[in-house]
Amino acid sequence: MNSETFTVAVPNVLDRLNTEIVACRLCSRLVRYREAVARTKKREFQDWEYWGRPLPGFGDPRGRLLIVGLAPAAHGGNRTGRMFTGDSSGQWLMRALYHAGFASQPTSAGRDDGLILRGAYITAVVRCAPPDNRPTPKEIRTCAAYLQREFAILPRMDVVVALGHVAFQGVLALVREQGFEVPRPAPAFAHGARYGLAAPGTRRVTLIASYHPSRQNTQTGRLTERMLDQIFRRARRALAEHE
């Protein structure tokens, strides 16, 4: 795809997909929960008008790095309307992306905070905030079509960082569906694990696994700032290998 075709076609197709995602009401449990959270709010955010809808991905559609999370946080993305924005997970992720040169600033507070992603696009396997941060297998399967379509629309994605085991399994299901050759035995989730995936033709993708920057992981020391920085340094090296 030449530069002119990319500039015209990809953003338009992506915009149409994102409009469809925001309007989605396929999972009744998630619809009830996200909307209830948006009505009741958290005490410290009573002055906010919560987003309360599904979240599209965001970032640089020309980027070659795809970052896949689990789902929006109830009082993070479900409040602000942007992935990994307004909660501690987002602060950890944006700080690491900033250190690696993928983000214009190390903070992520709201949709209008001036953050620009450079060479990276952020999405998730589930687009609505789930109760207890635990979507059901059926909800994951229902939402998978959106990730499939994003991946097909963004053909320059050479490296995928999966944040957490659910995202990792979601990416594997995605690439299998799109005809990629997956190593045998099946790739196992482990922080820092790296796998090469090849599609029919010339497309290759490097998959890198990372612990999710959730409070459960960061407050217990399971994931440190240094460990997360290392993930995105590995992503940089993998991108260089694809050039």
Protein backbone atom coordinates (compact mmCIF):
# COMPACT_ATOMS: atom_id res chain seq x y z
CA MET A 1 0.00 0.00 0.00
CA ASN A 2 1.52 3.30 -1.07
CA SER A 3 1.51 6.38 1.19
CA GLU A 4 -1.32 8.16 -0.63
CA THR A 5 -3.60 5.12 -0.57
CA PHE A 6 -2.85 4.53 3.11
CA THR A 7 -3.58 8.16 4.04
CA VAL A 8 -7.01 8.06 2.39
CA ALA A 9 -8.19 4.49 2.93
CA VAL A 10 -7.04 3.29 6.34
CA PRO A 11 -8.20 6.22 8.51
CA ASN A 12 -11.62 6.19 6.80
CA VAL A 13 -12.13 2.46 7.31
CA LEU A 14 -10.85 2.71 10.87
CA ASP A 15 -13.23 5.58 11.63
CA ARG A 16 -16.17 3.53 10.40
CA LEU A 17 -15.14 0.59 12.55
CA ASN A 18 -14.68 2.82 15.60
CA THR A 19 -18.15 4.30 15.12
CA GLU A 20 -19.55 0.78 15.04
CA ILE A 21 -17.64 -0.21 18.19
CA VAL A 22 -18.90 2.80 20.18
CA ALA A 23 -22.51 1.94 19.27
CA CYS A 24 -22.20 -1.76 20.18
CA ARG A 25 -24.74 -3.28 22.60
CA LEU A 26 -24.16 -6.99 21.93
CA CYS A 27 -23.29 -8.06 25.49
CA SER A 28 -26.20 -7.24 27.80
CA ARG A 29 -24.24 -7.82 31.03
CA LEU A 30 -21.51 -5.42 29.96
CA VAL A 31 -24.01 -2.83 28.76
CA ARG A 32 -25.78 -2.87 32.13
CA TYR A 33 -22.56 -2.65 34.08
CA ARG A 34 -20.80 0.09 32.09
CA GLU A 35 -23.94 2.26 32.11
CA ALA A 36 -24.58 1.70 35.83
CA VAL A 37 -21.00 2.75 36.62
CA ALA A 38 -21.43 5.84 34.46
CA ARG A 39 -24.57 6.80 36.38
CA THR A 40 -23.37 6.17 39.92
CA LYS A 41 -19.74 7.27 39.38
CA LYS A 42 -16.90 7.17 41.87
CA ARG A 43 -16.93 9.81 44.59
CA GLU A 44 -13.73 11.48 43.39
CA PHE A 45 -15.11 11.71 39.85
CA GLN A 46 -18.62 13.01 40.60
CA ASP A 47 -18.00 16.06 38.42
CA TRP A 48 -17.09 13.95 35.41
CA GLU A 49 -19.50 13.05 32.62
CA TYR A 50 -18.58 9.38 32.20
CA TRP A 51 -18.16 7.97 28.71
CA GLY A 52 -20.09 4.81 29.59
CA ARG A 53 -19.83 3.21 26.14
CA PRO A 54 -17.52 0.74 24.37
CA LEU A 55 -14.03 2.01 23.57
CA PRO A 56 -12.39 2.00 20.16
CA GLY A 57 -8.65 1.66 19.82
CA PHE A 58 -6.50 4.76 19.50
CA GLY A 59 -3.07 5.82 18.36
CA ASP A 60 -1.06 5.99 15.17
CA PRO A 61 -2.74 4.06 12.30
CA ARG A 62 0.63 4.09 10.53
CA GLY A 63 2.27 2.53 13.56
CA ARG A 64 4.01 -0.81 13.48
CA LEU A 65 3.46 -1.65 17.16
CA LEU A 66 0.09 -2.93 18.35
CA ILE A 67 -0.55 -3.02 22.12
CA VAL A 68 -3.44 -5.22 23.23
CA GLY A 69 -4.95 -4.98 26.70
CA LEU A 70 -7.81 -6.76 28.43
CA ALA A 71 -10.66 -4.24 28.76
CA PRO A 72 -11.36 -0.66 29.88
CA ALA A 73 -11.30 0.05 33.60
CA ALA A 74 -14.65 1.01 35.14
CA HIS A 75 -13.41 4.40 36.34
CA GLY A 76 -10.56 4.70 33.84
CA GLY A 77 -11.42 4.26 30.17
CA ASN A 78 -15.12 3.85 30.92
CA ARG A 79 -14.93 7.34 32.45
CA THR A 80 -12.53 9.11 30.08
CA GLY A 81 -13.48 7.45 26.80
CA ARG A 82 -9.94 6.40 25.87
CA MET A 83 -8.04 3.17 26.39
CA PHE A 84 -5.58 3.14 29.31
CA THR A 85 -6.51 6.68 30.29
CA GLY A 86 -7.35 7.95 33.75
CA ASP A 87 -6.23 5.01 35.87
CA SER A 88 -3.02 3.63 37.33
CA SER A 89 -2.61 0.99 34.60
CA GLY A 90 -2.66 3.73 32.01
CA GLN A 91 -0.08 5.77 33.91
CA TRP A 92 2.26 2.79 34.04
CA LEU A 93 1.77 2.02 30.36
CA MET A 94 2.16 5.59 29.11
CA ARG A 95 5.27 6.13 31.20
CA ALA A 96 6.84 3.05 29.62
CA LEU A 97 5.75 4.11 26.12
CA TYR A 98 7.19 7.56 26.73
CA HIS A 99 10.50 6.10 27.88
CA ALA A 100 10.63 4.01 24.68
CA GLY A 101 9.71 6.94 22.42
CA PHE A 102 6.22 5.73 21.51
CA ALA A 103 4.31 8.43 23.44
CA SER A 104 4.64 12.21 23.47
CA GLN A 105 4.17 12.44 27.25
CA PRO A 106 4.38 10.11 30.26
CA THR A 107 0.85 10.71 31.54
CA SER A 108 -2.64 9.78 30.39
CA ALA A 109 -5.43 11.71 32.12
CA GLY A 110 -8.17 12.41 29.56
CA ARG A 111 -9.02 12.40 25.86
CA ASP A 112 -7.94 16.01 25.50
CA ASP A 113 -4.67 15.84 27.45
CA GLY A 114 -2.48 16.26 24.36
CA LEU A 115 -1.12 12.71 24.33
CA ILE A 116 0.08 11.53 20.92
CA LEU A 117 1.19 7.97 20.22
CA ARG A 118 4.06 7.67 17.75
CA GLY A 119 4.32 4.44 15.83
CA ALA A 120 1.95 2.58 18.17
CA TYR A 121 -1.75 1.75 18.39
CA ILE A 122 -3.56 0.62 21.54
CA THR A 123 -6.59 -1.66 21.64
CA ALA A 124 -8.12 -4.43 23.77
CA VAL A 125 -9.80 -7.82 23.48
CA VAL A 126 -12.96 -6.49 25.18
CA ARG A 127 -14.28 -2.96 24.62
CA CYS A 128 -16.57 -2.49 27.63
CA ALA A 129 -15.62 -2.34 31.30
CA PRO A 130 -16.50 -5.74 32.81
CA PRO A 131 -17.53 -6.40 36.43
CA ASP A 132 -14.46 -7.20 38.55
CA ASN A 133 -12.32 -6.76 35.40
CA ARG A 134 -13.39 -10.25 34.32
CA PRO A 135 -15.18 -10.62 31.00
CA THR A 136 -16.76 -14.00 30.36
CA PRO A 137 -15.44 -16.31 27.62
CA LYS A 138 -18.59 -15.58 25.61
CA GLU A 139 -18.03 -11.82 25.89
CA ILE A 140 -14.44 -12.24 24.74
CA ARG A 141 -15.59 -14.28 21.74
CA THR A 142 -18.28 -11.74 20.87
CA CYS A 143 -15.82 -8.85 20.93
CA ALA A 144 -13.10 -10.73 19.02
CA ALA A 145 -14.49 -9.65 15.66
CA TYR A 146 -13.52 -6.03 16.37
CA LEU A 147 -9.91 -6.96 17.08
CA GLN A 148 -9.85 -9.13 13.96
CA ARG A 149 -11.02 -6.23 11.84
CA GLU A 150 -8.58 -3.77 13.41
CA PHE A 151 -5.70 -6.11 12.71
CA ALA A 152 -6.79 -6.48 9.08
CA ILE A 153 -7.19 -2.71 8.65
CA LEU A 154 -3.74 -1.96 10.12
CA PRO A 155 -1.44 -3.95 7.80
CA ARG A 156 1.78 -2.29 9.00
CA MET A 157 1.60 -3.87 12.46
CA ASP A 158 4.79 -5.91 12.76
CA VAL A 159 5.02 -6.31 16.55
CA VAL A 160 2.24 -7.04 19.04
CA VAL A 161 2.64 -6.59 22.80
CA ALA A 162 -0.05 -8.51 24.71
CA LEU A 163 -0.66 -7.17 28.21
CA GLY A 164 -1.76 -10.11 30.32
CA HIS A 165 -2.74 -13.72 29.73
CA VAL A 166 -6.24 -12.99 28.36
CA ALA A 167 -4.86 -10.53 25.81
CA PHE A 168 -2.14 -13.03 24.89
CA GLN A 169 -4.69 -15.77 24.22
CA GLY A 170 -6.84 -13.28 22.33
CA VAL A 171 -3.96 -12.40 20.01
CA LEU A 172 -3.21 -16.08 19.38
CA ALA A 173 -6.85 -16.69 18.47
CA LEU A 174 -6.69 -13.66 16.18
CA VAL A 175 -3.62 -14.75 14.24
CA ARG A 176 -4.88 -18.33 13.91
CA GLU A 177 -8.12 -16.99 12.45
CA GLN A 178 -6.12 -14.96 9.93
CA GLY A 179 -4.06 -17.91 8.79
CA PHE A 180 -0.80 -17.28 10.62
CA GLU A 181 1.44 -20.22 11.42
CA VAL A 182 1.63 -20.56 15.21
CA PRO A 183 4.61 -22.43 16.70
CA ARG A 184 4.10 -25.90 18.16
CA PRO A 185 3.80 -26.56 21.01
CA ALA A 186 1.43 -23.63 21.43
CA PRO A 187 3.10 -20.48 22.74
CA ALA A 188 2.91 -20.21 26.52
CA PHE A 189 2.32 -16.95 28.35
CA ALA A 190 5.31 -15.69 30.32
CA HIS A 191 6.47 -12.16 30.94
CA GLY A 192 8.96 -11.23 28.22
CA ALA A 193 8.27 -14.30 26.09
CA ARG A 194 8.65 -13.66 22.36
CA TYR A 195 7.23 -15.62 19.44
CA GLY A 196 7.53 -15.26 15.68
CA LEU A 197 4.32 -15.76 13.71
CA ALA A 198 4.17 -16.05 9.93
CA ALA A 199 1.20 -15.58 7.62
CA PRO A 200 0.83 -16.94 4.10
CA GLY A 201 2.85 -14.66 1.86
CA THR A 202 5.38 -12.27 3.34
CA ARG A 203 3.70 -10.91 6.49
CA ARG A 204 5.42 -11.77 9.76
CA VAL A 205 4.48 -10.66 13.25
CA THR A 206 6.46 -10.79 16.48
CA LEU A 207 4.33 -11.40 19.58
CA ILE A 208 5.72 -10.27 22.95
CA ALA A 209 3.98 -11.16 26.22
CA SER A 210 3.91 -8.88 29.25
CA TYR A 211 2.25 -8.85 32.62
CA HIS A 212 -0.63 -6.40 32.64
CA PRO A 213 0.19 -3.15 34.49
CA SER A 214 -2.75 -3.67 36.85
CA ARG A 215 -2.53 -2.65 40.48
CA GLN A 216 -2.61 -6.31 41.39
CA ASN A 217 0.70 -6.70 39.57
CA THR A 218 2.37 -3.34 40.18
CA GLN A 219 1.55 -3.00 43.88
CA THR A 220 2.77 -6.51 44.65
CA GLY A 221 6.02 -6.07 42.73
CA ARG A 222 5.17 -8.77 40.23
CA LEU A 223 5.62 -6.11 37.57
CA THR A 224 8.14 -3.30 38.09
CA GLU A 225 8.72 -0.17 36.06
CA ARG A 226 12.03 -1.61 34.88
CA MET A 227 10.33 -4.82 33.72
CA LEU A 228 7.75 -2.90 31.70
CA ASP A 229 10.39 -0.64 30.19
CA GLN A 230 12.28 -3.75 29.08
CA ILE A 231 9.20 -4.99 27.22
CA PHE A 232 9.08 -1.91 25.04
CA ARG A 233 12.82 -1.91 24.48
CA ARG A 234 12.35 -5.46 23.18
CA ALA A 235 9.53 -4.21 20.99
CA ARG A 236 11.88 -1.55 19.56
CA ARG A 237 14.48 -4.19 18.76
CA ALA A 238 11.88 -6.43 17.16
CA LEU A 239 10.67 -3.56 14.99
CA ALA A 240 14.23 -2.95 13.82
CA GLU A 241 14.53 -6.62 12.87
CA HIS A 242 11.42 -6.30 10.67
CA GLU A 243 12.88 -3.43 8.65
